[in-house]
Amino acid sequence: MERLARCWYRACPWRFLLAPLSLIFLALVTLRRWAYRLGWLRVTRLHVPVVVVGNITAGGTGKTPLVIWLVERLRQAGYRPGIVSRGYGGRAKAAAPVRPDSDPAAVGDEPVLLAQRCACPVWVGRRRAEAAQRLLAFHPEVDVILSDDGLQHHALGRDLELVVVDGERGFGNGWLLPAGPLREPRARLRSVDAVVVNGGQNLARMPAPQFGMVLAARRFWKLGQPEQAVEPARFAGRAVQAVAGIGNPERFFHTLRQFGIRAEPHALSDHHRYRAADIPAGTVLMTEKDAVKCARFGLPDAWALAVDAEVAMGLEKMILERINRHGHKAH
């Protein structure tokens, strides 16, 4: 799978062999979307606004930091947000709550990270509509739902759709799965409310409003002792190891190099299920998403890089105006 993913972003002639499968995938995606539009499949509408944060490419693009940013902005505006997620990589099938100390193997790594960073109700479930309904039943104070990675989950009605795009990798070769990274055709962007480009630069010929986003990394915190934080300069010039089991590990390694940290990289697959043997000896640097799964190993010298999304002006205003336009007011 990793070799296939690498070919999505470079010239690989054998992708033409997968073109028939991509056409079948396109037909299935189109048929499924129209089935919801025509009412053949049920769409669940909630009594609170729903903001979907997703992407049209496979792999990580920076959705989780944007969700964290949205929670903070909504809370500042007087809302009480809740989050639902698929819980990818977890065993849970039915709707279930996520706590900061939940087992990532059961509920997924990103939901646990969201529960730790956002301090708001987080529920997972393969049926996001069910997860959202259960969340609202247990937390009636919640007045806006954020659906993490729910763009293609049409069973949950939504008021806004935000698509996150990796500004460095873009849409790869522009082909649909499995010949390319696209989950949906680029034409899908005509119907979304905004495109958030992780990397800051604008993408050409975008049919929806664009907003730049950068991930600001300012500190490392120690696994097992999150209250202990240090500046990146602490690791400059030292022999350190770096592990990353995320959608684009090179982004993490590049960030370390920008800090002057020359770490030996260890790239793993997205949502990798860590074992203690996967962690090299010595000082180890990792992402917060990796730290969620590695905290249980009791590593003596492991540090997670905390990142915060910085989003271009205008997106927050657009979201709040759109929510209010639908008749939902903050308390």
Protein backbone atom coordinates (compact mmCIF):
# COMPACT_ATOMS: atom_id res chain seq x y z
CA MET A 1 0.00 0.00 0.00
CA GLU A 2 2.85 2.40 0.84
CA ARG A 3 4.48 1.78 -2.53
CA LEU A 4 1.17 2.46 -4.25
CA ALA A 5 0.71 5.70 -2.28
CA ARG A 6 4.17 6.90 -3.31
CA CYS A 7 3.24 6.43 -6.94
CA TRP A 8 0.20 8.67 -6.52
CA TYR A 9 2.57 11.62 -6.23
CA ARG A 10 5.10 10.78 -8.93
CA ALA A 11 5.14 9.45 -12.48
CA CYS A 12 4.40 5.72 -12.39
CA PRO A 13 3.42 4.33 -15.80
CA TRP A 14 1.80 1.21 -14.32
CA ARG A 15 -0.99 3.34 -12.85
CA PHE A 16 -2.70 2.94 -16.23
CA LEU A 17 -3.22 -0.72 -15.32
CA LEU A 18 -5.41 0.44 -12.44
CA ALA A 19 -7.46 2.86 -14.55
CA PRO A 20 -10.39 0.42 -15.02
CA LEU A 21 -10.66 0.03 -11.24
CA SER A 22 -10.65 3.80 -10.83
CA LEU A 23 -13.54 4.08 -13.29
CA ILE A 24 -15.50 1.51 -11.29
CA PHE A 25 -14.71 3.43 -8.10
CA LEU A 26 -15.95 6.66 -9.73
CA ALA A 27 -19.20 4.99 -10.73
CA LEU A 28 -19.78 3.68 -7.21
CA VAL A 29 -18.98 7.05 -5.60
CA THR A 30 -21.30 8.88 -7.98
CA LEU A 31 -24.13 6.39 -7.56
CA ARG A 32 -23.87 6.51 -3.78
CA ARG A 33 -23.96 10.31 -3.63
CA TRP A 34 -26.97 10.52 -5.92
CA ALA A 35 -28.73 7.85 -3.85
CA TYR A 36 -28.59 10.21 -0.88
CA ARG A 37 -29.58 13.23 -2.97
CA LEU A 38 -32.62 11.49 -4.39
CA GLY A 39 -33.70 10.12 -1.02
CA TRP A 40 -33.03 6.48 -1.82
CA LEU A 41 -30.73 6.40 1.20
CA ARG A 42 -31.65 8.17 4.42
CA VAL A 43 -29.98 11.40 5.57
CA THR A 44 -30.23 12.14 9.29
CA ARG A 45 -30.69 15.80 10.18
CA LEU A 46 -29.85 16.99 13.69
CA HIS A 47 -31.39 19.86 15.62
CA VAL A 48 -27.97 21.51 15.95
CA PRO A 49 -25.68 22.68 13.13
CA VAL A 50 -23.15 20.21 11.75
CA VAL A 51 -19.77 21.27 10.37
CA VAL A 52 -17.94 18.59 8.40
CA VAL A 53 -14.15 18.68 8.13
CA GLY A 54 -12.85 16.28 5.51
CA ASN A 55 -10.75 15.81 2.41
CA ILE A 56 -11.05 14.32 -1.05
CA THR A 57 -7.70 12.56 -0.95
CA ALA A 58 -6.61 9.46 0.93
CA GLY A 59 -4.18 10.01 3.77
CA GLY A 60 -3.58 12.82 6.22
CA THR A 61 -3.94 16.46 5.23
CA GLY A 62 -4.18 18.25 8.58
CA LYS A 63 -7.84 17.79 9.49
CA THR A 64 -7.24 17.12 13.19
CA PRO A 65 -5.41 20.42 13.90
CA LEU A 66 -8.17 22.27 12.05
CA VAL A 67 -10.84 20.56 14.18
CA ILE A 68 -8.96 21.60 17.32
CA TRP A 69 -8.78 25.17 16.00
CA LEU A 70 -12.52 25.14 15.25
CA VAL A 71 -13.38 23.93 18.75
CA GLU A 72 -11.39 26.78 20.26
CA ARG A 73 -12.97 29.41 18.01
CA LEU A 74 -16.51 28.13 18.51
CA ARG A 75 -16.04 28.02 22.27
CA GLN A 76 -14.77 31.62 22.24
CA ALA A 77 -17.90 32.60 20.31
CA GLY A 78 -20.12 31.12 23.01
CA TYR A 79 -20.86 27.72 21.50
CA ARG A 80 -20.49 24.36 23.19
CA PRO A 81 -19.13 22.01 20.50
CA GLY A 82 -18.99 18.24 20.34
CA ILE A 83 -17.02 16.01 17.95
CA VAL A 84 -17.91 12.81 16.13
CA SER A 85 -15.44 10.66 14.24
CA ARG A 86 -15.23 7.35 12.45
CA GLY A 87 -12.55 6.18 14.85
CA TYR A 88 -10.41 4.80 12.04
CA GLY A 89 -8.02 2.11 13.24
CA GLY A 90 -10.10 1.32 16.32
CA ARG A 91 -12.08 -1.82 17.06
CA ALA A 92 -15.28 -0.08 18.15
CA LYS A 93 -18.21 -0.56 15.78
CA ALA A 94 -21.11 0.85 17.78
CA ALA A 95 -21.24 4.48 18.90
CA ALA A 96 -19.02 5.02 21.94
CA PRO A 97 -17.64 7.95 23.96
CA VAL A 98 -13.95 8.81 23.91
CA ARG A 99 -12.04 9.99 26.96
CA PRO A 100 -8.52 11.41 27.14
CA ASP A 101 -7.36 8.06 28.58
CA SER A 102 -9.30 5.82 26.16
CA ASP A 103 -7.45 2.99 24.41
CA PRO A 104 -6.52 4.13 20.87
CA ALA A 105 -6.72 0.51 19.72
CA ALA A 106 -10.42 0.55 20.64
CA VAL A 107 -11.54 4.01 19.49
CA GLY A 108 -8.78 5.23 17.14
CA ASP A 109 -5.76 7.46 17.68
CA GLU A 110 -7.12 10.76 16.35
CA PRO A 111 -10.30 10.72 18.53
CA VAL A 112 -8.16 10.20 21.65
CA LEU A 113 -5.95 13.10 20.63
CA LEU A 114 -9.05 15.25 20.07
CA ALA A 115 -10.38 14.30 23.51
CA GLN A 116 -7.06 15.27 25.08
CA ARG A 117 -6.67 18.58 23.26
CA CYS A 118 -10.28 19.80 23.02
CA ALA A 119 -11.80 19.01 26.43
CA CYS A 120 -15.24 18.58 24.85
CA PRO A 121 -17.48 15.53 24.22
CA VAL A 122 -16.04 13.18 21.58
CA TRP A 123 -17.88 10.12 20.25
CA VAL A 124 -16.89 7.60 17.61
CA GLY A 125 -18.93 5.22 15.50
CA ARG A 126 -18.96 3.71 12.04
CA ARG A 127 -22.35 5.39 11.66
CA ARG A 128 -21.58 9.01 12.40
CA ALA A 129 -25.25 9.98 12.52
CA GLU A 130 -25.80 7.47 15.31
CA ALA A 131 -22.67 8.68 17.11
CA ALA A 132 -23.90 12.29 16.88
CA GLN A 133 -27.34 11.37 18.20
CA ARG A 134 -25.84 9.49 21.14
CA LEU A 135 -23.50 12.37 21.88
CA LEU A 136 -26.41 14.83 21.97
CA ALA A 137 -28.45 12.48 24.16
CA PHE A 138 -25.67 12.29 26.75
CA HIS A 139 -24.62 15.94 26.35
CA PRO A 140 -27.72 18.06 25.68
CA GLU A 141 -25.66 21.20 26.27
CA VAL A 142 -23.81 20.66 22.96
CA ASP A 143 -25.10 23.09 20.34
CA VAL A 144 -22.83 22.41 17.35
CA ILE A 145 -21.35 19.15 16.03
CA LEU A 146 -18.01 18.86 14.26
CA SER A 147 -17.66 15.76 12.09
CA ASP A 148 -14.01 14.79 11.73
CA ASP A 149 -13.23 13.24 8.33
CA GLY A 150 -16.91 12.94 7.42
CA LEU A 151 -17.06 14.43 3.93
CA GLN A 152 -18.01 11.15 2.27
CA HIS A 153 -20.38 10.08 5.07
CA HIS A 154 -23.54 11.50 3.50
CA ALA A 155 -25.88 9.81 5.98
CA LEU A 156 -25.19 12.68 8.38
CA GLY A 157 -26.73 15.93 7.17
CA ARG A 158 -24.49 18.95 7.35
CA ASP A 159 -24.67 22.75 7.33
CA LEU A 160 -21.09 23.38 6.24
CA GLU A 161 -18.40 21.39 4.48
CA LEU A 162 -14.72 22.26 4.87
CA VAL A 163 -12.13 20.41 2.79
CA VAL A 164 -8.50 20.32 3.87
CA VAL A 165 -5.85 19.97 1.14
CA ASP A 166 -2.16 19.28 1.63
CA GLY A 167 -0.56 22.33 0.03
CA GLU A 168 2.63 20.41 -0.76
CA ARG A 169 1.16 17.26 -2.31
CA GLY A 170 -2.08 18.72 -3.67
CA PHE A 171 -4.18 16.14 -5.50
CA GLY A 172 -1.28 13.98 -6.64
CA ASN A 173 -1.69 12.60 -10.15
CA GLY A 174 -5.37 13.67 -10.16
CA TRP A 175 -6.69 10.12 -10.51
CA LEU A 176 -9.23 8.39 -8.30
CA LEU A 177 -8.46 5.40 -6.11
CA PRO A 178 -6.70 3.06 -6.59
CA ALA A 179 -4.73 4.62 -9.47
CA GLY A 180 -4.52 7.93 -7.62
CA PRO A 181 -5.22 9.44 -4.18
CA LEU A 182 -8.65 10.97 -4.87
CA ARG A 183 -11.66 9.71 -2.91
CA GLU A 184 -13.92 11.87 -5.08
CA PRO A 185 -13.44 13.84 -8.29
CA ARG A 186 -12.08 17.37 -7.94
CA ALA A 187 -15.46 18.58 -9.18
CA ARG A 188 -16.71 17.75 -5.67
CA LEU A 189 -15.06 20.97 -4.50
CA ARG A 190 -17.72 22.98 -6.34
CA SER A 191 -20.24 22.04 -3.66
CA VAL A 192 -18.16 22.62 -0.52
CA ASP A 193 -18.15 25.84 1.49
CA ALA A 194 -14.40 26.32 1.78
CA VAL A 195 -11.05 24.75 0.95
CA VAL A 196 -8.36 25.03 3.63
CA VAL A 197 -4.87 24.64 2.20
CA ASN A 198 -2.42 23.21 4.72
CA GLY A 199 0.80 24.86 3.71
CA GLY A 200 -0.53 28.34 3.16
CA GLN A 201 -0.16 28.72 -0.59
CA ASN A 202 -3.18 29.00 -2.87
CA LEU A 203 -4.04 26.27 -5.34
CA ALA A 204 -4.93 27.22 -8.88
CA ARG A 205 -8.45 27.00 -10.30
CA MET A 206 -10.21 26.28 -7.03
CA PRO A 207 -14.04 26.55 -7.30
CA ALA A 208 -14.56 27.24 -3.57
CA PRO A 209 -13.16 30.01 -1.34
CA GLN A 210 -9.63 29.24 -0.19
CA PHE A 211 -8.09 29.84 3.22
CA GLY A 212 -4.46 29.18 4.03
CA MET A 213 -3.43 27.22 7.10
CA VAL A 214 -0.03 26.57 8.64
CA LEU A 215 0.82 24.25 11.50
CA ALA A 216 2.84 26.11 14.10
CA ALA A 217 5.12 23.89 16.20
CA ARG A 218 6.57 25.60 19.24
CA ARG A 219 7.25 23.00 21.93
CA PHE A 220 7.87 19.35 22.73
CA TRP A 221 6.25 17.66 25.72
CA LYS A 222 7.52 14.53 27.42
CA LEU A 223 5.53 11.30 27.19
CA GLY A 224 4.31 10.35 30.65
CA GLN A 225 4.96 13.89 31.91
CA PRO A 226 3.01 16.20 29.55
CA GLU A 227 3.48 19.11 31.95
CA GLN A 228 7.19 19.00 31.12
CA ALA A 229 7.69 21.01 27.92
CA VAL A 230 10.88 22.15 26.22
CA GLU A 231 11.84 24.34 23.29
CA PRO A 232 12.88 22.65 20.00
CA ALA A 233 16.38 24.07 20.45
CA ARG A 234 16.83 21.50 23.22
CA PHE A 235 17.37 18.80 20.58
CA ALA A 236 19.42 20.74 18.03
CA GLY A 237 22.82 19.20 17.45
CA ARG A 238 21.96 16.04 19.38
CA ALA A 239 21.74 12.45 18.13
CA VAL A 240 18.01 11.78 18.17
CA GLN A 241 15.53 9.43 16.50
CA ALA A 242 12.25 10.50 14.87
CA VAL A 243 9.24 8.26 14.29
CA ALA A 244 6.08 9.23 12.41
CA GLY A 245 3.09 7.04 11.62
CA ILE A 246 1.00 9.70 9.90
CA GLY A 247 -0.32 10.35 6.41
CA ASN A 248 2.73 12.39 5.35
CA PRO A 249 5.71 11.52 7.60
CA GLU A 250 8.06 13.68 5.56
CA ARG A 251 6.20 16.80 6.72
CA PHE A 252 7.17 15.98 10.32
CA PHE A 253 10.79 15.22 9.42
CA HIS A 254 11.00 18.46 7.43
CA THR A 255 9.74 20.40 10.45
CA LEU A 256 12.49 18.90 12.58
CA ARG A 257 15.12 19.89 10.02
CA GLN A 258 13.78 23.45 10.05
CA PHE A 259 14.45 23.50 13.81
CA GLY A 260 18.03 22.38 13.15
CA ILE A 261 17.29 18.90 14.50
CA ARG A 262 19.07 16.24 12.48
CA ALA A 263 17.13 13.18 13.53
CA GLU A 264 17.31 9.71 12.04
CA PRO A 265 13.86 9.27 10.44
CA HIS A 266 11.63 6.22 10.86
CA ALA A 267 8.55 6.51 8.65
CA LEU A 268 5.62 4.20 9.38
CA SER A 269 2.20 3.82 7.81
CA ASP A 270 -0.70 6.07 8.80
CA HIS A 271 -2.53 4.79 11.91
CA HIS A 272 0.31 2.33 12.53
CA ARG A 273 -0.34 0.00 15.47
CA TYR A 274 2.77 0.46 17.53
CA ARG A 275 4.64 -2.18 19.46
CA ALA A 276 7.40 -1.33 21.89
CA ALA A 277 9.88 -2.89 19.46
CA ASP A 278 8.99 -0.25 16.86
CA ILE A 279 10.55 2.50 18.97
CA PRO A 280 14.30 2.95 18.57
CA ALA A 281 16.55 3.41 21.58
CA GLY A 282 17.70 6.80 22.77
CA THR A 283 15.99 10.16 22.52
CA VAL A 284 12.87 9.80 20.37
CA LEU A 285 10.79 12.57 18.83
CA MET A 286 7.29 11.92 17.47
CA THR A 287 4.00 13.55 16.59
CA GLU A 288 1.16 13.91 19.12
CA LYS A 289 -0.81 11.37 17.12
CA ASP A 290 1.99 8.83 17.61
CA ALA A 291 2.34 9.77 21.28
CA VAL A 292 -1.27 8.77 21.94
CA LYS A 293 -0.37 5.17 21.06
CA CYS A 294 3.15 5.09 22.50
CA ALA A 295 2.48 6.58 25.95
CA ARG A 296 1.75 3.14 27.41
CA PHE A 297 5.28 1.90 26.68
CA GLY A 298 6.81 3.99 29.46
CA LEU A 299 9.55 5.36 27.20
CA PRO A 300 12.23 7.13 29.29
CA ASP A 301 13.20 9.82 26.77
CA ALA A 302 10.38 10.29 24.25
CA TRP A 303 8.91 13.66 23.26
CA ALA A 304 5.89 14.73 21.24
CA LEU A 305 5.78 17.84 19.08
CA ALA A 306 2.69 19.92 19.82
CA VAL A 307 1.29 21.74 16.78
CA ASP A 308 -1.42 24.38 16.53
CA ALA A 309 -3.26 25.43 13.39
CA GLU A 310 -3.01 29.06 12.32
CA VAL A 311 -5.74 29.81 9.79
CA ALA A 312 -6.07 32.80 7.50
CA MET A 313 -8.51 35.49 8.52
CA GLY A 314 -12.03 35.10 7.22
CA LEU A 315 -12.75 31.43 7.82
CA GLU A 316 -13.92 31.91 11.40
CA LYS A 317 -16.24 34.74 10.36
CA MET A 318 -17.68 32.72 7.49
CA ILE A 319 -18.39 29.73 9.72
CA LEU A 320 -20.09 31.77 12.43
CA GLU A 321 -22.17 33.69 9.91
CA ARG A 322 -23.25 30.48 8.19
CA ILE A 323 -24.24 28.83 11.47
CA ASN A 324 -26.24 31.89 12.51
CA ARG A 325 -27.85 32.04 9.08
CA HIS A 326 -29.28 28.59 9.74
CA GLY A 327 -30.99 29.95 12.80
CA HIS A 328 -28.59 28.60 15.41
CA LYS A 329 -27.37 31.13 17.94
CA ALA A 330 -24.72 30.83 20.58
CA HIS A 331 -25.95 30.89 24.16
